[in-house]
Each structure stands twice: as structure tokens, then as C-alpha cells.
């Protein structure tokens, strides 16, 4: 089947260099922070180019963009619903939200809907406690929240800090640390416009009858469309563009037949549109496409390069790349990675942190490194085995081999 080319969503007039630069900055900012408060440095660019941004995202990705005086909200629908590697965190460097923190976040948002202009952290906790006590399904799902220990209070504080980061809450008095210690409270002003913009589903979760998590995710993100060739092509284009923008790499073997067919005929256009709008640089290989962020400000997760954890991650990536090259289909047992990491810890004991030499610490360090590699789509974790994926081959290291004509001189120096 021949798939017609789709015209680019170009503006009515070609932008000049400065305007193109500003638009790129706005697109990159929204990709990094789909909920962008007015306090963000990039917000003026988003407001200035709001019309173009709305048109571009709607045409290329099917995402909607809302911009008002207090925030910009890009309502993204992920191309993949099975990726659990992008958990929220209150601040950069914090661990991603646990299941309980996500539950507390949802309960906190529901509680804030019933509050007036201000609320206190203690008041929010009371309302969440009441919600948990009134819902036996939460207990059946293993969600416990009593505020009897510091860990539960820390979870609530992490939720409050995320909402402050998004400017849904603004602290006007008190301190969260005092609340965790049981010696004080914190008072917030609620931004109701930002609160209303938090939910970004296609359907209200309460309108979904499905019970399984995967079915519920599919239901709240479902995008009904006419069953026509144009609508099907548009849906494929949106899925592919979303993956180019959101995922570390788009692997051909993960695509269905319609997506592979579309990409075969429209790859240059798709990649060109993303490159022009974002400044990301395409790297096209036999196994897939990656859009590289040379500036480094449009990436939420990087391959670490410094410190003990960074060095271990790179060395394990090299080890897995070698395994992939020598035995392409072999899953690598975690115990093999643990043993290799223990040997690396002994080899690099002089400049790795001291606790890395503790045998009990090695599996924890390996687990962290493998989780990062999985989040970068470089490996797949299956039980107690790790399967290297083709993109990890870029971390393979081979002995350097110089051509015979380089660095070699005859006796007369010629």
C-alpha cells in the first residue's frame, strides 16, 4: 500500500533564525516540563509562540496545549503504556515516586478540590487519612497510610514538594521538615487553575470500568478516531513522532506492520520535522532511530559519567555490549553481573567510594545501574536476567587498531 506524504505543519511564513531558536526553546521546555509554571524561565517563550506551538503539537503528535497566565499544560499521551521507568520526583536527583506516593498524590489532589484558598499540610493529611479509611479497596490493594511513622510523613512531604514544584501549592508559612519531625506544620495557598490542569487523561478515570491496570491505562488514554485511511495514517504518525520525542530510541522491531510501513516511506519527513522543531540530532542505525540531545537540556535521564555509580554503569554497559556482540540472544544472569561488578570493585578500590568494596553493597549498585540502562532502552530486565538491546553496542570497547600507513615511518623518515 502506498502511503501519501503528509504536509508539514509549517507556519504561514518561514520564521527567521531568532524566531526558530525561540520556538525550539519553547518546544524543548514543554517536552521537559509538560506542566510549566509561569515562574519558569521558558514560560515567556511559550506564551509568545503559543499559537504556533498548539498547531505544531496538535498536528505532529496529537497532543493539546493550554496556556494561560499561570501555567502552560501540554497534555501528553505516551506512545507506550508499559514503560515504568519514568517515575515522578519532587526534585531533580530524588528517587522516583513509589506506588504509595502516587496514591497519596491522587488523594491529595482530590482533597485539595474540596479546600478553600488555603490549606495546611496537617489538614491535607487528615483528609487523606479519611479517604484511605473510607475506601476498603485501598487496603485490599496493600495501600497503608496511618502517619504513624516518619516514612509515611516523608511520603506526604514528597507529594507536597512536587505540588509546590508545579506551583499547585505555594508555601506561605511553616516548614515541611518540622511536620516530619512532629514539631510544626506548613501553610499553603492553592492555585486552583493549576490544580484543575493536573489531570491529563482522555477520559475521566472514574468513568472506566476496567479493573486491570493495563486495561485502565489503555482506557483513559484511548483516542477515538474515524475508521478511515487518513485517520489511521494520522494515528500512526502521532505514535511515531511521540516515540521520537519521548523515548531514548525507536527500535524497528518494536513497531507493528502499519508503523513499519509508514516509517519506511516517511522517515525523512518525520525525522526532519522533529529535528527542525527541537534541535535534536538524528542517529539512524540498522536497528532504529535515536534523536540525540547535544545540548543536554532536553534529557531527563543521562548515562552517568562521574562517580562510582557512573563508572560502574559505563563498565557494565561495556560488559553487556561485549556479551551482545559475542552471544546476541543470550540473557545475562544478574549473578554474573554481580560477580563482574565485585571484580570491578576490587580493581577500582583506590578511587571508588569505600562502601563499594562491601560485598553486600554490590547487588544494590548493580540493580541501580541496570535500572538506569533499562530506562535508557539499552537493556530489558526479565526476572533475574538482563537482555542487552542493540543500542548498547555503542558502549562496546575494542582494542585500537591503527592502519598500517598511520604512524609508521621508513628508516629515512619518509
Foldseek 3Di string as FASTA:
>chain_A
DDDDDDDALDDPDDDDPVLLVLLQLLVLVCLQPQKFFLPDPNLVSCVVCVVSVQSRCCQQAVWGWDDDNTTIHTQHDALDPPDPLDADWLDAPDDGDDPLLVVLLVQLLVVVVPDDQKDKLVRSLVSSVVVCVVDVVCVVVVHDADLPALVNLVSSVRSVSNCVVSPQWDWDDDDSVCVSVVNTITMTGGDVVSSVSPDRWCDPLVVDPDDDPVSSSCVRNPDDDDPDPVRVLSNLSNSVLSCQLNAQWDFPVVDDPVNNVSCVVCVVVSVVSCCSSHVFCWDQDPGTIGGHDPVPSSDSADQACDADLSVLLLVVLQVLLVVCVVPVFDWAFLVVSLVVQQVVCVVCVVPHDPCSNPSVCSSVSSVVSVSSCVRNVQWDDDPRTIHGDVVSNVSHDDDDDDPPVPPDADPVRD
